[in-house]
Amino acid sequence: MTTAPTSNLALFDLDNTLLSGDSDFEWAQFLIEQGVLDRELYEARNAEFYEQYKAGTLDIHEFLDFQLRPLARHPRRLLDEWHRQFMQSKIIPLIRPRARELIERHRGDLCAIVTATNSFVTTPIARQFGIPNLIATEPAHVADEYTGEVSGTPCFREGKVARLDAWLAARGQPLGSFAHSWFYSDSLNDIALLSHVTDPVAVDPDPTLRAHAERLGWPIISLI
């Protein structure tokens, strides 16, 4: 399907960029606090995966097995109810006012959140930000129930580039058709996509991304 042309594209990472925390990590912590996941078994593993992500050493398939398996153990109705509680207790307090201001500056551009976190967790968060397009890791499902596996390419590192290009191709709007394409991110894991757009912006970056951005002259901003 071909859509009406838009002159500019604005892409936003979610965790530690628009949010002052990591929604993947917080979802697992929420399930632990609710007694859905065993604290002794899951808390240390959750923290370990988070440290691997920050270090750039995360095995995305190993992590997704850990993260998506609990979705398959419970009916969607119950998952959705937990998510409503999760939004209020964990996510709303992490929303940065300056992130909302940044998004507002891009009204009129084609906007999307591009995140490694799965779409079950992130769809309501994107809605909360008023961003209509979400490119995320997709949990596999049969009918409306999750299987615990991933569907397609995880939206992580180079996978973000592949998923973005596929999304744009389906819209009939290749990346080169935009006068400007921004991507805002905090993470070394997003260097591939930052390098893919015309206007990469490092947001409160980790040390590796900060050094990379400084070397290449990329803008560095803070939303804190």
N, C-alpha and C. Protein backbone atom coordinates (compact mmCIF):
# COMPACT_ATOMS: atom_id res chain seq x y z
N MET A 1 0.84 -1.19 0.00
CA MET A 1 0.00 0.00 0.00
C MET A 1 0.88 1.24 0.00
N THR A 2 0.58 2.20 -0.86
CA THR A 2 1.32 3.45 -0.91
C THR A 2 0.57 4.50 -0.11
N THR A 3 1.30 5.20 0.77
CA THR A 3 0.69 6.23 1.59
C THR A 3 1.11 7.60 1.09
N ALA A 4 0.42 8.64 1.56
CA ALA A 4 0.76 10.00 1.19
C ALA A 4 2.17 10.32 1.68
N PRO A 5 2.97 11.00 0.89
CA PRO A 5 4.35 11.27 1.28
C PRO A 5 4.45 12.19 2.48
N THR A 6 5.44 11.93 3.33
CA THR A 6 5.76 12.78 4.45
C THR A 6 7.23 13.17 4.30
N SER A 7 7.54 14.44 4.52
CA SER A 7 8.89 14.91 4.17
C SER A 7 9.95 14.45 5.15
N ASN A 8 9.56 14.24 6.42
CA ASN A 8 10.54 13.88 7.44
C ASN A 8 10.08 12.67 8.24
N LEU A 9 11.07 11.96 8.79
CA LEU A 9 10.84 10.76 9.59
C LEU A 9 11.53 10.94 10.95
N ALA A 10 10.81 10.67 12.03
CA ALA A 10 11.38 10.76 13.38
C ALA A 10 11.19 9.44 14.09
N LEU A 11 12.29 8.83 14.48
CA LEU A 11 12.30 7.53 15.15
C LEU A 11 12.83 7.70 16.57
N PHE A 12 12.22 6.97 17.50
CA PHE A 12 12.59 7.10 18.90
C PHE A 12 12.83 5.73 19.51
N ASP A 13 13.98 5.54 20.12
CA ASP A 13 14.16 4.41 21.01
C ASP A 13 13.27 4.65 22.23
N LEU A 14 12.93 3.60 22.95
CA LEU A 14 12.03 3.74 24.09
C LEU A 14 12.76 3.72 25.42
N ASP A 15 13.40 2.61 25.73
CA ASP A 15 13.96 2.40 27.06
C ASP A 15 15.19 3.26 27.29
N ASN A 16 15.18 3.99 28.38
CA ASN A 16 16.27 4.90 28.76
C ASN A 16 16.45 6.03 27.75
N THR A 17 15.45 6.23 26.91
CA THR A 17 15.44 7.37 25.98
C THR A 17 14.17 8.17 26.26
N LEU A 18 13.02 7.70 25.77
CA LEU A 18 11.78 8.36 26.14
C LEU A 18 11.39 8.05 27.58
N LEU A 19 11.78 6.87 28.06
CA LEU A 19 11.54 6.48 29.46
C LEU A 19 12.83 6.61 30.25
N SER A 20 12.72 6.96 31.52
CA SER A 20 13.88 7.01 32.40
C SER A 20 14.08 5.66 33.08
N GLY A 21 14.03 4.61 32.30
CA GLY A 21 14.18 3.25 32.78
C GLY A 21 13.94 2.30 31.63
N ASP A 22 13.94 1.01 31.94
CA ASP A 22 13.83 -0.03 30.92
C ASP A 22 12.55 -0.82 31.12
N SER A 23 11.63 -0.74 30.17
CA SER A 23 10.33 -1.37 30.33
C SER A 23 10.42 -2.89 30.35
N ASP A 24 11.36 -3.48 29.60
CA ASP A 24 11.58 -4.92 29.63
C ASP A 24 11.94 -5.38 31.04
N PHE A 25 12.94 -4.72 31.61
CA PHE A 25 13.39 -5.03 32.96
C PHE A 25 12.25 -4.84 33.96
N GLU A 26 11.54 -3.73 33.83
CA GLU A 26 10.48 -3.42 34.80
C GLU A 26 9.31 -4.38 34.70
N TRP A 27 9.01 -4.89 33.50
CA TRP A 27 7.93 -5.87 33.36
C TRP A 27 8.25 -7.14 34.12
N ALA A 28 9.49 -7.64 33.98
CA ALA A 28 9.88 -8.83 34.73
C ALA A 28 9.83 -8.57 36.23
N GLN A 29 10.31 -7.38 36.65
CA GLN A 29 10.27 -7.05 38.08
C GLN A 29 8.83 -6.97 38.58
N PHE A 30 7.95 -6.43 37.76
CA PHE A 30 6.53 -6.36 38.14
C PHE A 30 5.96 -7.75 38.37
N LEU A 31 6.25 -8.68 37.45
CA LEU A 31 5.74 -10.05 37.59
C LEU A 31 6.32 -10.72 38.83
N ILE A 32 7.57 -10.43 39.14
CA ILE A 32 8.18 -10.97 40.35
C ILE A 32 7.47 -10.42 41.59
N GLU A 33 7.23 -9.11 41.61
CA GLU A 33 6.57 -8.48 42.76
C GLU A 33 5.13 -8.97 42.94
N GLN A 34 4.48 -9.33 41.82
CA GLN A 34 3.12 -9.85 41.89
C GLN A 34 3.07 -11.32 42.29
N GLY A 35 4.24 -11.96 42.38
CA GLY A 35 4.30 -13.37 42.71
C GLY A 35 4.04 -14.28 41.53
N VAL A 36 3.99 -13.69 40.32
CA VAL A 36 3.76 -14.48 39.11
C VAL A 36 5.03 -15.26 38.76
N LEU A 37 6.18 -14.63 38.94
CA LEU A 37 7.47 -15.28 38.73
C LEU A 37 8.18 -15.44 40.07
N ASP A 38 8.88 -16.54 40.21
CA ASP A 38 9.59 -16.82 41.45
C ASP A 38 10.77 -15.86 41.60
N ARG A 39 10.81 -15.12 42.71
CA ARG A 39 11.85 -14.12 42.91
C ARG A 39 13.24 -14.74 42.88
N GLU A 40 13.42 -15.84 43.57
CA GLU A 40 14.74 -16.45 43.67
C GLU A 40 15.26 -16.90 42.30
N LEU A 41 14.36 -17.40 41.46
CA LEU A 41 14.78 -17.90 40.16
C LEU A 41 14.98 -16.79 39.14
N TYR A 42 14.15 -15.74 39.21
CA TYR A 42 14.09 -14.78 38.12
C TYR A 42 14.79 -13.46 38.38
N GLU A 43 14.86 -12.99 39.61
CA GLU A 43 15.36 -11.64 39.84
C GLU A 43 16.82 -11.49 39.44
N ALA A 44 17.66 -12.42 39.87
CA ALA A 44 19.07 -12.34 39.52
C ALA A 44 19.27 -12.49 38.02
N ARG A 45 18.49 -13.36 37.39
CA ARG A 45 18.61 -13.56 35.94
C ARG A 45 18.18 -12.31 35.18
N ASN A 46 17.12 -11.67 35.65
CA ASN A 46 16.66 -10.43 35.03
C ASN A 46 17.74 -9.35 35.09
N ALA A 47 18.35 -9.20 36.26
CA ALA A 47 19.42 -8.21 36.42
C ALA A 47 20.62 -8.55 35.55
N GLU A 48 20.92 -9.84 35.43
CA GLU A 48 22.06 -10.28 34.61
C GLU A 48 21.85 -9.93 33.14
N PHE A 49 20.65 -10.19 32.63
CA PHE A 49 20.36 -9.85 31.23
C PHE A 49 20.46 -8.34 31.02
N TYR A 50 20.00 -7.55 31.98
CA TYR A 50 20.03 -6.10 31.85
C TYR A 50 21.48 -5.59 31.78
N GLU A 51 22.34 -6.16 32.59
CA GLU A 51 23.75 -5.78 32.56
C GLU A 51 24.39 -6.17 31.23
N GLN A 52 24.02 -7.34 30.69
CA GLN A 52 24.54 -7.75 29.39
C GLN A 52 24.08 -6.80 28.30
N TYR A 53 22.83 -6.36 28.37
CA TYR A 53 22.32 -5.40 27.39
C TYR A 53 23.15 -4.12 27.43
N LYS A 54 23.37 -3.59 28.63
CA LYS A 54 24.11 -2.34 28.76
C LYS A 54 25.55 -2.48 28.30
N ALA A 55 26.10 -3.69 28.42
CA ALA A 55 27.48 -3.94 28.00
C ALA A 55 27.60 -4.27 26.52
N GLY A 56 26.46 -4.47 25.86
CA GLY A 56 26.49 -4.82 24.44
C GLY A 56 26.80 -6.28 24.17
N THR A 57 26.58 -7.14 25.17
CA THR A 57 26.92 -8.56 25.03
C THR A 57 25.68 -9.47 25.08
N LEU A 58 24.49 -8.88 25.01
CA LEU A 58 23.27 -9.66 25.18
C LEU A 58 23.04 -10.61 24.02
N ASP A 59 22.76 -11.88 24.33
CA ASP A 59 22.27 -12.84 23.35
C ASP A 59 20.76 -12.66 23.28
N ILE A 60 20.27 -12.02 22.22
CA ILE A 60 18.87 -11.64 22.16
C ILE A 60 17.95 -12.84 22.18
N HIS A 61 18.35 -13.96 21.59
CA HIS A 61 17.47 -15.13 21.57
C HIS A 61 17.38 -15.78 22.95
N GLU A 62 18.48 -15.80 23.67
CA GLU A 62 18.45 -16.32 25.04
C GLU A 62 17.56 -15.44 25.91
N PHE A 63 17.69 -14.12 25.74
CA PHE A 63 16.88 -13.20 26.52
C PHE A 63 15.40 -13.34 26.19
N LEU A 64 15.08 -13.45 24.90
CA LEU A 64 13.68 -13.53 24.52
C LEU A 64 13.03 -14.81 25.02
N ASP A 65 13.80 -15.89 25.10
CA ASP A 65 13.27 -17.12 25.68
C ASP A 65 12.88 -16.87 27.14
N PHE A 66 13.72 -16.13 27.86
CA PHE A 66 13.45 -15.77 29.25
C PHE A 66 12.24 -14.83 29.35
N GLN A 67 12.19 -13.84 28.46
CA GLN A 67 11.20 -12.77 28.56
C GLN A 67 9.82 -13.17 28.04
N LEU A 68 9.77 -13.99 27.00
CA LEU A 68 8.49 -14.30 26.38
C LEU A 68 7.81 -15.54 26.95
N ARG A 69 8.59 -16.42 27.56
CA ARG A 69 8.01 -17.66 28.08
C ARG A 69 6.86 -17.40 29.04
N PRO A 70 6.99 -16.43 29.98
CA PRO A 70 5.86 -16.20 30.90
C PRO A 70 4.57 -15.79 30.21
N LEU A 71 4.65 -15.18 29.02
CA LEU A 71 3.44 -14.78 28.31
C LEU A 71 2.60 -15.99 27.91
N ALA A 72 3.28 -17.13 27.69
CA ALA A 72 2.57 -18.33 27.23
C ALA A 72 1.89 -19.08 28.38
N ARG A 73 2.20 -18.70 29.60
CA ARG A 73 1.68 -19.44 30.75
C ARG A 73 0.35 -18.91 31.26
N HIS A 74 -0.09 -17.78 30.71
CA HIS A 74 -1.27 -17.12 31.27
C HIS A 74 -2.18 -16.64 30.14
N PRO A 75 -3.49 -16.65 30.35
CA PRO A 75 -4.42 -16.19 29.31
C PRO A 75 -4.25 -14.71 29.03
N ARG A 76 -4.54 -14.31 27.80
CA ARG A 76 -4.34 -12.93 27.40
C ARG A 76 -5.15 -11.97 28.27
N ARG A 77 -6.35 -12.37 28.65
CA ARG A 77 -7.19 -11.50 29.49
C ARG A 77 -6.46 -11.12 30.78
N LEU A 78 -5.79 -12.10 31.40
CA LEU A 78 -5.08 -11.84 32.65
C LEU A 78 -3.82 -11.01 32.40
N LEU A 79 -3.12 -11.32 31.31
CA LEU A 79 -1.94 -10.53 30.95
C LEU A 79 -2.30 -9.06 30.75
N ASP A 80 -3.40 -8.81 30.09
CA ASP A 80 -3.82 -7.43 29.84
C ASP A 80 -4.16 -6.71 31.14
N GLU A 81 -4.77 -7.42 32.07
CA GLU A 81 -5.09 -6.81 33.37
C GLU A 81 -3.80 -6.48 34.13
N TRP A 82 -2.85 -7.41 34.12
CA TRP A 82 -1.56 -7.12 34.75
C TRP A 82 -0.89 -5.92 34.09
N HIS A 83 -1.00 -5.85 32.78
CA HIS A 83 -0.34 -4.74 32.08
C HIS A 83 -0.95 -3.39 32.46
N ARG A 84 -2.25 -3.34 32.67
CA ARG A 84 -2.87 -2.10 33.10
C ARG A 84 -2.30 -1.65 34.44
N GLN A 85 -2.10 -2.59 35.35
CA GLN A 85 -1.49 -2.27 36.64
C GLN A 85 -0.04 -1.85 36.47
N PHE A 86 0.67 -2.54 35.58
CA PHE A 86 2.07 -2.26 35.29
C PHE A 86 2.24 -0.84 34.75
N MET A 87 1.36 -0.42 33.86
CA MET A 87 1.43 0.94 33.32
C MET A 87 1.35 1.98 34.43
N GLN A 88 0.42 1.78 35.33
CA GLN A 88 0.22 2.78 36.39
C GLN A 88 1.35 2.77 37.42
N SER A 89 1.79 1.59 37.81
CA SER A 89 2.77 1.51 38.90
C SER A 89 4.22 1.66 38.45
N LYS A 90 4.52 1.23 37.21
CA LYS A 90 5.91 1.20 36.77
C LYS A 90 6.24 2.18 35.64
N ILE A 91 5.34 2.33 34.67
CA ILE A 91 5.68 3.07 33.45
C ILE A 91 5.36 4.56 33.55
N ILE A 92 4.18 4.90 34.00
CA ILE A 92 3.81 6.32 34.07
C ILE A 92 4.86 7.13 34.84
N PRO A 93 5.38 6.62 35.98
CA PRO A 93 6.41 7.39 36.68
C PRO A 93 7.72 7.54 35.91
N LEU A 94 7.95 6.72 34.87
CA LEU A 94 9.20 6.78 34.11
C LEU A 94 9.11 7.70 32.89
N ILE A 95 7.93 8.22 32.59
CA ILE A 95 7.77 9.05 31.40
C ILE A 95 8.39 10.42 31.66
N ARG A 96 9.30 10.80 30.79
CA ARG A 96 10.02 12.06 30.95
C ARG A 96 9.22 13.20 30.30
N PRO A 97 8.93 14.27 31.03
CA PRO A 97 8.25 15.41 30.42
C PRO A 97 8.99 15.96 29.21
N ARG A 98 10.31 15.98 29.26
CA ARG A 98 11.06 16.50 28.12
C ARG A 98 10.99 15.55 26.92
N ALA A 99 10.71 14.28 27.19
CA ALA A 99 10.47 13.36 26.08
C ALA A 99 9.18 13.71 25.35
N ARG A 100 8.16 14.05 26.11
CA ARG A 100 6.91 14.49 25.48
C ARG A 100 7.14 15.75 24.65
N GLU A 101 7.96 16.67 25.16
CA GLU A 101 8.26 17.89 24.42
C GLU A 101 9.00 17.58 23.12
N LEU A 102 9.93 16.62 23.19
CA LEU A 102 10.66 16.22 21.98
C LEU A 102 9.71 15.65 20.94
N ILE A 103 8.82 14.78 21.36
CA ILE A 103 7.85 14.19 20.43
C ILE A 103 6.98 15.28 19.81
N GLU A 104 6.58 16.23 20.63
CA GLU A 104 5.71 17.30 20.14
C GLU A 104 6.40 18.11 19.05
N ARG A 105 7.72 18.26 19.14
CA ARG A 105 8.46 19.01 18.12
C ARG A 105 8.43 18.30 16.76
N HIS A 106 8.11 17.00 16.79
CA HIS A 106 8.08 16.23 15.54
C HIS A 106 6.66 15.97 15.04
N ARG A 107 5.67 16.63 15.63
CA ARG A 107 4.31 16.49 15.09
C ARG A 107 4.30 16.99 13.65
N GLY A 108 3.71 16.24 12.78
CA GLY A 108 3.74 16.54 11.35
C GLY A 108 4.73 15.67 10.61
N ASP A 109 5.73 15.12 11.32
CA ASP A 109 6.63 14.14 10.74
C ASP A 109 6.02 12.74 10.91
N LEU A 110 6.48 11.80 10.12
CA LEU A 110 6.12 10.41 10.35
C LEU A 110 6.92 9.92 11.55
N CYS A 111 6.24 9.53 12.62
CA CYS A 111 6.90 9.18 13.87
C CYS A 111 6.69 7.70 14.19
N ALA A 112 7.72 7.08 14.76
CA ALA A 112 7.63 5.68 15.19
C ALA A 112 8.58 5.45 16.35
N ILE A 113 8.16 4.61 17.27
CA ILE A 113 9.07 4.05 18.28
C ILE A 113 9.67 2.78 17.69
N VAL A 114 10.98 2.64 17.81
CA VAL A 114 11.69 1.45 17.34
C VAL A 114 12.40 0.86 18.55
N THR A 115 11.94 -0.29 19.01
CA THR A 115 12.43 -0.83 20.28
C THR A 115 12.62 -2.33 20.24
N ALA A 116 13.61 -2.80 20.98
CA ALA A 116 13.84 -4.24 21.10
C ALA A 116 12.80 -4.90 22.01
N THR A 117 12.19 -4.11 22.89
CA THR A 117 11.21 -4.67 23.81
C THR A 117 9.98 -5.13 23.05
N ASN A 118 9.39 -6.24 23.50
CA ASN A 118 8.31 -6.86 22.72
C ASN A 118 7.05 -5.99 22.69
N SER A 119 6.26 -6.21 21.68
CA SER A 119 5.10 -5.35 21.41
C SER A 119 4.00 -5.50 22.45
N PHE A 120 3.92 -6.64 23.14
CA PHE A 120 2.94 -6.75 24.22
C PHE A 120 3.22 -5.70 25.28
N VAL A 121 4.47 -5.58 25.68
CA VAL A 121 4.84 -4.61 26.70
C VAL A 121 4.73 -3.18 26.18
N THR A 122 5.11 -2.95 24.92
CA THR A 122 5.32 -1.58 24.47
C THR A 122 4.15 -0.93 23.74
N THR A 123 3.19 -1.70 23.23
CA THR A 123 2.08 -1.08 22.51
C THR A 123 1.32 -0.06 23.37
N PRO A 124 0.95 -0.39 24.60
CA PRO A 124 0.26 0.62 25.42
C PRO A 124 1.16 1.80 25.77
N ILE A 125 2.47 1.59 25.81
CA ILE A 125 3.39 2.70 26.12
C ILE A 125 3.46 3.66 24.94
N ALA A 126 3.55 3.12 23.73
CA ALA A 126 3.53 3.96 22.54
C ALA A 126 2.24 4.77 22.48
N ARG A 127 1.14 4.13 22.83
CA ARG A 127 -0.15 4.82 22.85
C ARG A 127 -0.14 5.96 23.87
N GLN A 128 0.47 5.71 25.01
CA GLN A 128 0.57 6.73 26.05
C GLN A 128 1.34 7.96 25.55
N PHE A 129 2.34 7.74 24.72
CA PHE A 129 3.11 8.85 24.15
C PHE A 129 2.41 9.49 22.95
N GLY A 130 1.34 8.90 22.47
CA GLY A 130 0.65 9.43 21.30
C GLY A 130 1.38 9.18 20.00
N ILE A 131 2.24 8.15 19.98
CA ILE A 131 2.97 7.79 18.76
C ILE A 131 2.24 6.62 18.11
N PRO A 132 1.74 6.80 16.88
CA PRO A 132 0.86 5.79 16.28
C PRO A 132 1.57 4.58 15.71
N ASN A 133 2.89 4.67 15.51
CA ASN A 133 3.62 3.58 14.86
C ASN A 133 4.64 2.98 15.81
N LEU A 134 4.66 1.65 15.87
CA LEU A 134 5.57 0.93 16.75
C LEU A 134 6.24 -0.19 15.97
N ILE A 135 7.56 -0.19 15.99
CA ILE A 135 8.34 -1.28 15.42
C ILE A 135 9.04 -1.94 16.60
N ALA A 136 8.64 -3.16 16.93
CA ALA A 136 9.10 -3.83 18.14
C ALA A 136 9.32 -5.30 17.86
N THR A 137 9.98 -5.99 18.77
CA THR A 137 10.07 -7.44 18.70
C THR A 137 8.66 -8.02 18.87
N GLU A 138 8.31 -8.98 18.01
CA GLU A 138 6.94 -9.49 18.00
C GLU A 138 6.86 -10.88 18.63
N PRO A 139 6.10 -11.03 19.70
CA PRO A 139 5.87 -12.36 20.26
C PRO A 139 4.96 -13.18 19.35
N ALA A 140 5.30 -14.44 19.15
CA ALA A 140 4.44 -15.31 18.35
C ALA A 140 3.16 -15.62 19.13
N HIS A 141 2.06 -15.79 18.39
CA HIS A 141 0.81 -16.12 19.05
C HIS A 141 -0.05 -16.98 18.12
N VAL A 142 -0.92 -17.74 18.74
CA VAL A 142 -1.93 -18.52 18.03
C VAL A 142 -3.27 -18.01 18.52
N ALA A 143 -4.11 -17.57 17.56
CA ALA A 143 -5.31 -16.82 17.92
C ALA A 143 -4.85 -15.62 18.72
N ASP A 144 -5.31 -15.46 19.94
CA ASP A 144 -4.92 -14.29 20.74
C ASP A 144 -4.00 -14.68 21.90
N GLU A 145 -3.53 -15.93 21.89
CA GLU A 145 -2.71 -16.40 23.01
C GLU A 145 -1.25 -16.55 22.57
N TYR A 146 -0.33 -16.12 23.44
CA TYR A 146 1.09 -16.16 23.11
C TYR A 146 1.67 -17.56 23.26
N THR A 147 2.67 -17.87 22.42
CA THR A 147 3.29 -19.20 22.43
C THR A 147 4.58 -19.23 23.24
N GLY A 148 5.13 -18.06 23.59
CA GLY A 148 6.41 -18.00 24.28
C GLY A 148 7.60 -17.90 23.34
N GLU A 149 7.34 -17.83 22.03
CA GLU A 149 8.41 -17.73 21.05
C GLU A 149 8.35 -16.37 20.35
N VAL A 150 9.40 -16.06 19.60
CA VAL A 150 9.45 -14.80 18.87
C VAL A 150 9.00 -15.02 17.43
N SER A 151 8.35 -14.03 16.86
CA SER A 151 7.91 -14.09 15.48
C SER A 151 8.80 -13.18 14.63
N GLY A 152 9.45 -13.75 13.62
CA GLY A 152 10.27 -12.94 12.73
C GLY A 152 11.58 -12.48 13.35
N THR A 153 12.13 -11.41 12.80
CA THR A 153 13.42 -10.89 13.23
C THR A 153 13.28 -10.06 14.49
N PRO A 154 14.03 -10.37 15.56
CA PRO A 154 13.99 -9.50 16.73
C PRO A 154 14.43 -8.09 16.37
N CYS A 155 13.79 -7.10 16.94
CA CYS A 155 14.06 -5.70 16.64
C CYS A 155 15.21 -5.23 17.54
N PHE A 156 16.41 -5.73 17.24
CA PHE A 156 17.56 -5.51 18.12
C PHE A 156 18.81 -5.35 17.28
N ARG A 157 19.62 -4.35 17.59
CA ARG A 157 20.86 -4.05 16.88
C ARG A 157 20.59 -3.96 15.37
N GLU A 158 21.28 -4.76 14.54
CA GLU A 158 21.07 -4.70 13.09
C GLU A 158 19.64 -5.09 12.71
N GLY A 159 18.98 -5.85 13.59
CA GLY A 159 17.58 -6.20 13.34
C GLY A 159 16.67 -4.98 13.31
N LYS A 160 17.03 -3.92 14.05
CA LYS A 160 16.24 -2.69 13.99
C LYS A 160 16.29 -2.08 12.59
N VAL A 161 17.46 -2.11 11.97
CA VAL A 161 17.60 -1.58 10.61
C VAL A 161 16.74 -2.40 9.65
N ALA A 162 16.83 -3.72 9.74
CA ALA A 162 16.06 -4.59 8.85
C ALA A 162 14.56 -4.40 9.03
N ARG A 163 14.13 -4.31 10.28
CA ARG A 163 12.70 -4.15 10.55
C ARG A 163 12.20 -2.77 10.08
N LEU A 164 13.00 -1.73 10.30
CA LEU A 164 12.61 -0.40 9.83
C LEU A 164 12.49 -0.38 8.31
N ASP A 165 13.50 -0.90 7.63
CA ASP A 165 13.47 -0.89 6.16
C ASP A 165 12.27 -1.66 5.61
N ALA A 166 11.95 -2.79 6.25
CA ALA A 166 10.79 -3.57 5.81
C ALA A 166 9.49 -2.80 6.03
N TRP A 167 9.39 -2.13 7.15
CA TRP A 167 8.20 -1.32 7.46
C TRP A 167 8.03 -0.19 6.46
N LEU A 168 9.12 0.51 6.17
CA LEU A 168 9.07 1.61 5.21
C LEU A 168 8.75 1.11 3.80
N ALA A 169 9.33 -0.03 3.43
CA ALA A 169 9.05 -0.60 2.11
C ALA A 169 7.57 -0.94 1.97
N ALA A 170 6.98 -1.47 3.03
CA ALA A 170 5.57 -1.82 2.99
C ALA A 170 4.70 -0.57 2.83
N ARG A 171 5.19 0.56 3.30
CA ARG A 171 4.47 1.83 3.16
C ARG A 171 4.74 2.52 1.82
N GLY A 172 5.70 1.98 1.06
CA GLY A 172 6.09 2.64 -0.18
C GLY A 172 6.88 3.90 0.04
N GLN A 173 7.58 3.97 1.19
CA GLN A 173 8.36 5.15 1.56
C GLN A 173 9.77 4.73 2.00
N PRO A 174 10.66 4.42 1.07
CA PRO A 174 12.02 4.04 1.48
C PRO A 174 12.69 5.18 2.23
N LEU A 175 13.69 4.82 3.02
CA LEU A 175 14.34 5.81 3.88
C LEU A 175 14.85 7.01 3.09
N GLY A 176 15.38 6.76 1.90
CA GLY A 176 15.92 7.83 1.08
C GLY A 176 14.90 8.82 0.57
N SER A 177 13.61 8.50 0.74
CA SER A 177 12.57 9.41 0.26
C SER A 177 12.29 10.55 1.23
N PHE A 178 12.87 10.46 2.42
CA PHE A 178 12.66 11.50 3.43
C PHE A 178 13.79 12.53 3.37
N ALA A 179 13.42 13.81 3.45
CA ALA A 179 14.43 14.86 3.47
C ALA A 179 15.32 14.72 4.70
N HIS A 180 14.71 14.41 5.84
CA HIS A 180 15.45 14.18 7.09
C HIS A 180 14.88 12.95 7.78
N SER A 181 15.76 12.15 8.35
CA SER A 181 15.34 11.02 9.18
C SER A 181 16.14 11.07 10.47
N TRP A 182 15.44 11.28 11.58
CA TRP A 182 16.07 11.33 12.90
C TRP A 182 15.91 9.98 13.61
N PHE A 183 16.91 9.63 14.40
CA PHE A 183 16.74 8.54 15.37
C PHE A 183 17.38 8.99 16.67
N TYR A 184 16.60 8.87 17.75
CA TYR A 184 17.04 9.27 19.08
C TYR A 184 17.24 8.03 19.93
N SER A 185 18.43 7.86 20.49
CA SER A 185 18.70 6.67 21.31
C SER A 185 19.81 6.93 22.32
N ASP A 186 19.77 6.13 23.38
CA ASP A 186 20.78 6.22 24.43
C ASP A 186 21.86 5.15 24.33
N SER A 187 21.69 4.15 23.48
CA SER A 187 22.40 2.88 23.64
C SER A 187 23.39 2.54 22.54
N LEU A 188 24.51 1.97 22.95
CA LEU A 188 25.49 1.44 22.00
C LEU A 188 24.87 0.38 21.10
N ASN A 189 23.83 -0.30 21.59
CA ASN A 189 23.17 -1.33 20.78
C ASN A 189 22.45 -0.75 19.57
N ASP A 190 22.29 0.58 19.54
CA ASP A 190 21.56 1.22 18.45
C ASP A 190 22.47 1.95 17.46
N ILE A 191 23.77 1.72 17.54
CA ILE A 191 24.69 2.41 16.63
C ILE A 191 24.37 2.08 15.17
N ALA A 192 23.95 0.85 14.89
CA ALA A 192 23.63 0.48 13.50
C ALA A 192 22.51 1.35 12.95
N LEU A 193 21.43 1.52 13.71
CA LEU A 193 20.32 2.33 13.21
C LEU A 193 20.66 3.81 13.25
N LEU A 194 21.38 4.26 14.25
CA LEU A 194 21.82 5.65 14.29
C LEU A 194 22.65 5.99 13.05
N SER A 195 23.46 5.04 12.61
CA SER A 195 24.32 5.25 11.43
C SER A 195 23.52 5.20 10.13
N HIS A 196 22.30 4.71 10.20
CA HIS A 196 21.46 4.48 9.01
C HIS A 196 20.65 5.71 8.62
N VAL A 197 20.40 6.62 9.58
CA VAL A 197 19.55 7.78 9.32
C VAL A 197 20.39 9.00 8.99
N THR A 198 19.74 10.07 8.53
CA THR A 198 20.47 11.28 8.20
C THR A 198 20.84 12.10 9.43
N ASP A 199 20.02 11.98 10.50
CA ASP A 199 20.21 12.82 11.68
C ASP A 199 20.20 11.98 12.96
N PRO A 200 21.32 11.31 13.26
CA PRO A 200 21.39 10.54 14.50
C PRO A 200 21.57 11.48 15.70
N VAL A 201 20.87 11.17 16.80
CA VAL A 201 20.97 11.98 18.01
C VAL A 201 21.14 11.05 19.21
N ALA A 202 22.21 11.24 19.95
CA ALA A 202 22.45 10.47 21.17
C ALA A 202 21.74 11.16 22.34
N VAL A 203 20.96 10.40 23.10
CA VAL A 203 20.16 10.95 24.19
C VAL A 203 20.66 10.37 25.51
N ASP A 204 21.25 11.22 26.36
CA ASP A 204 21.79 10.73 27.63
C ASP A 204 22.53 9.40 27.39
N PRO A 205 23.51 9.41 26.50
CA PRO A 205 24.07 8.14 26.00
C PRO A 205 24.94 7.41 27.01
N ASP A 206 25.02 6.09 26.83
CA ASP A 206 25.98 5.31 27.60
C ASP A 206 27.39 5.69 27.16
N PRO A 207 28.42 5.32 27.92
CA PRO A 207 29.78 5.77 27.60
C PRO A 207 30.24 5.40 26.19
N THR A 208 29.90 4.20 25.73
CA THR A 208 30.33 3.78 24.39
C THR A 208 29.68 4.62 23.31
N LEU A 209 28.38 4.84 23.42
CA LEU A 209 27.69 5.67 22.43
C LEU A 209 28.16 7.12 22.52
N ARG A 210 28.39 7.63 23.71
CA ARG A 210 28.86 9.01 23.85
C ARG A 210 30.19 9.20 23.12
N ALA A 211 31.12 8.27 23.32
CA ALA A 211 32.42 8.38 22.65
C ALA A 211 32.25 8.31 21.13
N HIS A 212 31.38 7.42 20.67
CA HIS A 212 31.13 7.27 19.24
C HIS A 212 30.52 8.55 18.67
N ALA A 213 29.54 9.11 19.38
CA ALA A 213 28.88 10.32 18.92
C ALA A 213 29.85 11.50 18.89
N GLU A 214 30.68 11.62 19.91
CA GLU A 214 31.64 12.71 19.94
C GLU A 214 32.64 12.59 18.79
N ARG A 215 33.06 11.37 18.51
CA ARG A 215 34.04 11.14 17.43
C ARG A 215 33.45 11.52 16.07
N LEU A 216 32.15 11.26 15.86
CA LEU A 216 31.52 11.51 14.57
C LEU A 216 30.79 12.85 14.51
N GLY A 217 30.78 13.56 15.61
CA GLY A 217 30.11 14.86 15.62
C GLY A 217 28.60 14.80 15.67
N TRP A 218 28.05 13.68 16.18
CA TRP A 218 26.61 13.58 16.32
C TRP A 218 26.14 14.46 17.47
N PRO A 219 24.96 15.06 17.38
CA PRO A 219 24.42 15.80 18.52
C PRO A 219 24.20 14.89 19.72
N ILE A 220 24.41 15.44 20.90
CA ILE A 220 24.15 14.75 22.16
C ILE A 220 23.20 15.64 22.97
N ILE A 221 22.06 15.10 23.36
CA ILE A 221 21.08 15.87 24.12
C ILE A 221 20.72 15.12 25.40
N SER A 222 20.04 15.83 26.30
CA SER A 222 19.55 15.21 27.54
C SER A 222 18.07 15.46 27.66
N LEU A 223 17.35 14.44 28.07
CA LEU A 223 15.91 14.56 28.36
C LEU A 223 15.64 14.44 29.85
N ILE A 224 16.69 14.41 30.65
CA ILE A 224 16.52 14.28 32.11
C ILE A 224 16.10 15.62 32.70
